Amino acid sequence: MHEAIRLAENSSFVKSVVGEELLLKYISIKKDEADEFLAAENKAEFYRKRYFETI
């Protein structure tokens, strides 16, 4: 996850498509999410709570 975030963060293409301000906000959110995922003891439970409880 961190590698994908780094690639997006340094991509001039992504920046040109979404704009710098949106990219910075998105990257910040995804870095927090990646850190939470790494800290989670149960990865499946992390995904279930984060994404599927909103459905």
PDB file of N, CA and C in Angstrom:
ATOM      1  N   MET A   1       0.817  -1.178   0.000  1.00  0.00           N
ATOM      2  CA  MET A   1       0.000   0.000   0.000  1.00  0.00           C
ATOM      3  C   MET A   1       0.874   1.260   0.000  1.00  0.00           C
ATOM      4  N   HIS A   2       1.914   1.243   0.815  1.00  0.00           N
ATOM      5  CA  HIS A   2       2.781   2.425   0.887  1.00  0.00           C
ATOM      6  C   HIS A   2       3.481   2.698  -0.445  1.00  0.00           C
ATOM      7  N   GLU A   3       3.850   1.660  -1.152  1.00  0.00           N
ATOM      8  CA  GLU A   3       4.502   1.834  -2.456  1.00  0.00           C
ATOM      9  C   GLU A   3       3.552   2.482  -3.463  1.00  0.00           C
ATOM     10  N   ALA A   4       2.309   2.050  -3.479  1.00  0.00           N
ATOM     11  CA  ALA A   4       1.312   2.633  -4.392  1.00  0.00           C
ATOM     12  C   ALA A   4       1.064   4.103  -4.047  1.00  0.00           C
ATOM     13  N   ILE A   5       1.020   4.401  -2.766  1.00  0.00           N
ATOM     14  CA  ILE A   5       0.827   5.791  -2.335  1.00  0.00           C
ATOM     15  C   ILE A   5       2.008   6.640  -2.787  1.00  0.00           C
ATOM     16  N   ARG A   6       3.203   6.138  -2.598  1.00  0.00           N
ATOM     17  CA  ARG A   6       4.402   6.873  -3.003  1.00  0.00           C
ATOM     18  C   ARG A   6       4.407   7.123  -4.508  1.00  0.00           C
ATOM     19  N   LEU A   7       4.049   6.124  -5.274  1.00  0.00           N
ATOM     20  CA  LEU A   7       4.007   6.285  -6.729  1.00  0.00           C
ATOM     21  C   LEU A   7       2.989   7.338  -7.149  1.00  0.00           C
ATOM     22  N   ALA A   8       1.807   7.308  -6.552  1.00  0.00           N
ATOM     23  CA  ALA A   8       0.776   8.301  -6.880  1.00  0.00           C
ATOM     24  C   ALA A   8       1.220   9.697  -6.459  1.00  0.00           C
ATOM     25  N   GLU A   9       1.826   9.780  -5.307  1.00  0.00           N
ATOM     26  CA  GLU A   9       2.272  11.067  -4.765  1.00  0.00           C
ATOM     27  C   GLU A   9       3.308  11.732  -5.663  1.00  0.00           C
ATOM     28  N   ASN A  10       4.148  10.931  -6.298  1.00  0.00           N
ATOM     29  CA  ASN A  10       5.221  11.461  -7.138  1.00  0.00           C
ATOM     30  C   ASN A  10       4.886  11.467  -8.622  1.00  0.00           C
ATOM     31  N   SER A  11       3.661  11.133  -8.965  1.00  0.00           N
ATOM     32  CA  SER A  11       3.269  11.031 -10.367  1.00  0.00           C
ATOM     33  C   SER A  11       2.807  12.384 -10.918  1.00  0.00           C
ATOM     34  N   SER A  12       3.490  12.853 -11.917  1.00  0.00           N
ATOM     35  CA  SER A  12       3.060  14.096 -12.559  1.00  0.00           C
ATOM     36  C   SER A  12       1.750  13.881 -13.310  1.00  0.00           C
ATOM     37  N   PHE A  13       1.522  12.653 -13.804  1.00  0.00           N
ATOM     38  CA  PHE A  13       0.274  12.343 -14.491  1.00  0.00           C
ATOM     39  C   PHE A  13      -0.919  12.465 -13.535  1.00  0.00           C
ATOM     40  N   VAL A  14      -0.828  11.815 -12.390  1.00  0.00           N
ATOM     41  CA  VAL A  14      -1.918  11.866 -11.419  1.00  0.00           C
ATOM     42  C   VAL A  14      -2.165  13.307 -10.991  1.00  0.00           C
ATOM     43  N   LYS A  15      -1.104  14.033 -10.738  1.00  0.00           N
ATOM     44  CA  LYS A  15      -1.230  15.429 -10.330  1.00  0.00           C
ATOM     45  C   LYS A  15      -1.919  16.257 -11.406  1.00  0.00           C
ATOM     46  N   SER A  16      -1.606  15.979 -12.667  1.00  0.00           N
ATOM     47  CA  SER A  16      -2.217  16.750 -13.756  1.00  0.00           C
ATOM     48  C   SER A  16      -3.695  16.406 -13.942  1.00  0.00           C
ATOM     49  N   VAL A  17      -4.085  15.202 -13.574  1.00  0.00           N
ATOM     50  CA  VAL A  17      -5.479  14.775 -13.738  1.00  0.00           C
ATOM     51  C   VAL A  17      -6.360  15.281 -12.592  1.00  0.00           C
ATOM     52  N   VAL A  18      -5.912  15.121 -11.355  1.00  0.00           N
ATOM     53  CA  VAL A  18      -6.755  15.470 -10.209  1.00  0.00           C
ATOM     54  C   VAL A  18      -6.414  16.816  -9.581  1.00  0.00           C
ATOM     55  N   GLY A  19      -5.284  17.356  -9.906  1.00  0.00           N
ATOM     56  CA  GLY A  19      -4.858  18.622  -9.319  1.00  0.00           C
ATOM     57  C   GLY A  19      -4.072  18.402  -8.042  1.00  0.00           C
ATOM     58  N   GLU A  20      -3.195  19.335  -7.750  1.00  0.00           N
ATOM     59  CA  GLU A  20      -2.291  19.177  -6.607  1.00  0.00           C
ATOM     60  C   GLU A  20      -3.021  19.181  -5.263  1.00  0.00           C
ATOM     61  N   GLU A  21      -3.995  20.076  -5.104  1.00  0.00           N
ATOM     62  CA  GLU A  21      -4.690  20.175  -3.824  1.00  0.00           C
ATOM     63  C   GLU A  21      -5.444  18.889  -3.488  1.00  0.00           C
ATOM     64  N   LEU A  22      -6.199  18.363  -4.444  1.00  0.00           N
ATOM     65  CA  LEU A  22      -6.930  17.120  -4.215  1.00  0.00           C
ATOM     66  C   LEU A  22      -5.972  15.958  -3.984  1.00  0.00           C
ATOM     67  N   LEU A  23      -4.900  15.905  -4.749  1.00  0.00           N
ATOM     68  CA  LEU A  23      -3.920  14.834  -4.586  1.00  0.00           C
ATOM     69  C   LEU A  23      -3.327  14.850  -3.185  1.00  0.00           C
ATOM     70  N   LEU A  24      -2.968  16.015  -2.678  1.00  0.00           N
ATOM     71  CA  LEU A  24      -2.393  16.110  -1.338  1.00  0.00           C
ATOM     72  C   LEU A  24      -3.373  15.625  -0.272  1.00  0.00           C
ATOM     73  N   LYS A  25      -4.635  15.988  -0.406  1.00  0.00           N
ATOM     74  CA  LYS A  25      -5.652  15.534   0.550  1.00  0.00           C
ATOM     75  C   LYS A  25      -5.842  14.019   0.466  1.00  0.00           C
ATOM     76  N   TYR A  26      -5.929  13.511  -0.754  1.00  0.00           N
ATOM     77  CA  TYR A  26      -6.119  12.072  -0.966  1.00  0.00           C
ATOM     78  C   TYR A  26      -4.933  11.281  -0.405  1.00  0.00           C
ATOM     79  N   ILE A  27      -3.729  11.747  -0.694  1.00  0.00           N
ATOM     80  CA  ILE A  27      -2.519  11.062  -0.215  1.00  0.00           C
ATOM     81  C   ILE A  27      -2.496  11.045   1.310  1.00  0.00           C
ATOM     82  N   SER A  28      -2.865  12.136   1.935  1.00  0.00           N
ATOM     83  CA  SER A  28      -2.902  12.197   3.396  1.00  0.00           C
ATOM     84  C   SER A  28      -3.870  11.171   3.967  1.00  0.00           C
ATOM     85  N   ILE A  29      -5.058  11.078   3.376  1.00  0.00           N
ATOM     86  CA  ILE A  29      -6.061  10.112   3.823  1.00  0.00           C
ATOM     87  C   ILE A  29      -5.549   8.679   3.643  1.00  0.00           C
ATOM     88  N   LYS A  30      -4.951   8.407   2.491  1.00  0.00           N
ATOM     89  CA  LYS A  30      -4.477   7.045   2.211  1.00  0.00           C
ATOM     90  C   LYS A  30      -3.281   6.660   3.074  1.00  0.00           C
ATOM     91  N   LYS A  31      -2.429   7.615   3.426  1.00  0.00           N
ATOM     92  CA  LYS A  31      -1.309   7.318   4.329  1.00  0.00           C
ATOM     93  C   LYS A  31      -1.840   6.935   5.702  1.00  0.00           C
ATOM     94  N   ASP A  32      -2.839   7.669   6.177  1.00  0.00           N
ATOM     95  CA  ASP A  32      -3.457   7.330   7.468  1.00  0.00           C
ATOM     96  C   ASP A  32      -4.086   5.943   7.408  1.00  0.00           C
ATOM     97  N   GLU A  33      -4.783   5.654   6.320  1.00  0.00           N
ATOM     98  CA  GLU A  33      -5.419   4.348   6.155  1.00  0.00           C
ATOM     99  C   GLU A  33      -4.372   3.225   6.133  1.00  0.00           C
ATOM    100  N   ALA A  34      -3.287   3.430   5.420  1.00  0.00           N
ATOM    101  CA  ALA A  34      -2.234   2.418   5.343  1.00  0.00           C
ATOM    102  C   ALA A  34      -1.611   2.177   6.714  1.00  0.00           C
ATOM    103  N   ASP A  35      -1.405   3.228   7.486  1.00  0.00           N
ATOM    104  CA  ASP A  35      -0.856   3.083   8.836  1.00  0.00           C
ATOM    105  C   ASP A  35      -1.820   2.320   9.740  1.00  0.00           C
ATOM    106  N   GLU A  36      -3.117   2.628   9.630  1.00  0.00           N
ATOM    107  CA  GLU A  36      -4.125   1.916  10.414  1.00  0.00           C
ATOM    108  C   GLU A  36      -4.162   0.436  10.038  1.00  0.00           C
ATOM    109  N   PHE A  37      -4.040   0.154   8.742  1.00  0.00           N
ATOM    110  CA  PHE A  37      -4.039  -1.231   8.275  1.00  0.00           C
ATOM    111  C   PHE A  37      -2.843  -1.989   8.849  1.00  0.00           C
ATOM    112  N   LEU A  38      -1.670  -1.374   8.792  1.00  0.00           N
ATOM    113  CA  LEU A  38      -0.476  -2.033   9.319  1.00  0.00           C
ATOM    114  C   LEU A  38      -0.580  -2.283  10.822  1.00  0.00           C
ATOM    115  N   ALA A  39      -1.236  -1.382  11.533  1.00  0.00           N
ATOM    116  CA  ALA A  39      -1.374  -1.521  12.978  1.00  0.00           C
ATOM    117  C   ALA A  39      -2.462  -2.519  13.376  1.00  0.00           C
ATOM    118  N   ALA A  40      -3.362  -2.819  12.471  1.00  0.00           N
ATOM    119  CA  ALA A  40      -4.476  -3.722  12.786  1.00  0.00           C
ATOM    120  C   ALA A  40      -3.977  -5.150  12.990  1.00  0.00           C
ATOM    121  N   GLU A  41      -4.435  -5.756  14.050  1.00  0.00           N
ATOM    122  CA  GLU A  41      -4.064  -7.153  14.306  1.00  0.00           C
ATOM    123  C   GLU A  41      -4.768  -8.090  13.333  1.00  0.00           C
ATOM    124  N   ASN A  42      -6.043  -7.812  13.071  1.00  0.00           N
ATOM    125  CA  ASN A  42      -6.836  -8.649  12.182  1.00  0.00           C
ATOM    126  C   ASN A  42      -7.149  -7.838  10.917  1.00  0.00           C
ATOM    127  N   LYS A  43      -6.454  -8.152   9.832  1.00  0.00           N
ATOM    128  CA  LYS A  43      -6.597  -7.392   8.585  1.00  0.00           C
ATOM    129  C   LYS A  43      -7.995  -7.539   7.983  1.00  0.00           C
ATOM    130  N   ALA A  44      -8.565  -8.719   8.047  1.00  0.00           N
ATOM    131  CA  ALA A  44      -9.912  -8.941   7.505  1.00  0.00           C
ATOM    132  C   ALA A  44     -10.936  -8.118   8.280  1.00  0.00           C
ATOM    133  N   GLU A  45     -10.780  -8.080   9.582  1.00  0.00           N
ATOM    134  CA  GLU A  45     -11.684  -7.291  10.418  1.00  0.00           C
ATOM    135  C   GLU A  45     -11.532  -5.803  10.134  1.00  0.00           C
ATOM    136  N   PHE A  46     -10.319  -5.358   9.862  1.00  0.00           N
ATOM    137  CA  PHE A  46     -10.072  -3.965   9.496  1.00  0.00           C
ATOM    138  C   PHE A  46     -10.883  -3.595   8.252  1.00  0.00           C
ATOM    139  N   TYR A  47     -10.795  -4.415   7.220  1.00  0.00           N
ATOM    140  CA  TYR A  47     -11.530  -4.137   5.983  1.00  0.00           C
ATOM    141  C   TYR A  47     -13.039  -4.219   6.184  1.00  0.00           C
ATOM    142  N   ARG A  48     -13.477  -5.194   6.951  1.00  0.00           N
ATOM    143  CA  ARG A  48     -14.906  -5.342   7.190  1.00  0.00           C
ATOM    144  C   ARG A  48     -15.462  -4.098   7.879  1.00  0.00           C
ATOM    145  N   LYS A  49     -14.799  -3.649   8.916  1.00  0.00           N
ATOM    146  CA  LYS A  49     -15.280  -2.465   9.651  1.00  0.00           C
ATOM    147  C   LYS A  49     -15.163  -1.197   8.829  1.00  0.00           C
ATOM    148  N   ARG A  50     -14.066  -1.055   8.119  1.00  0.00           N
ATOM    149  CA  ARG A  50     -13.803   0.197   7.391  1.00  0.00           C
ATOM    150  C   ARG A  50     -14.688   0.363   6.164  1.00  0.00           C
ATOM    151  N   TYR A  51     -14.964  -0.720   5.464  1.00  0.00           N
ATOM    152  CA  TYR A  51     -15.653  -0.597   4.180  1.00  0.00           C
ATOM    153  C   TYR A  51     -17.039  -1.216   4.149  1.00  0.00           C
ATOM    154  N   PHE A  52     -17.267  -2.287   4.857  1.00  0.00           N
ATOM    155  CA  PHE A  52     -18.525  -2.998   4.685  1.00  0.00           C
ATOM    156  C   PHE A  52     -19.601  -2.650   5.691  1.00  0.00           C
ATOM    157  N   GLU A  53     -19.254  -1.962   6.762  1.00  0.00           N
ATOM    158  CA  GLU A  53     -20.287  -1.537   7.699  1.00  0.00           C
ATOM    159  C   GLU A  53     -21.068  -0.352   7.153  1.00  0.00           C
ATOM    160  N   THR A  54     -20.534   0.327   6.142  1.00  0.00           N
ATOM    161  CA  THR A  54     -21.235   1.468   5.567  1.00  0.00           C
ATOM    162  C   THR A  54     -22.247   1.055   4.517  1.00  0.00           C
ATOM    163  N   ILE A  55     -22.214  -0.202   4.104  1.00  0.00           N
ATOM    164  CA  ILE A  55     -23.137  -0.685   3.071  1.00  0.00           C
ATOM    165  C   ILE A  55     -24.473  -1.009   3.673  1.00  0.00           C
TER     166      ILE A  55
END
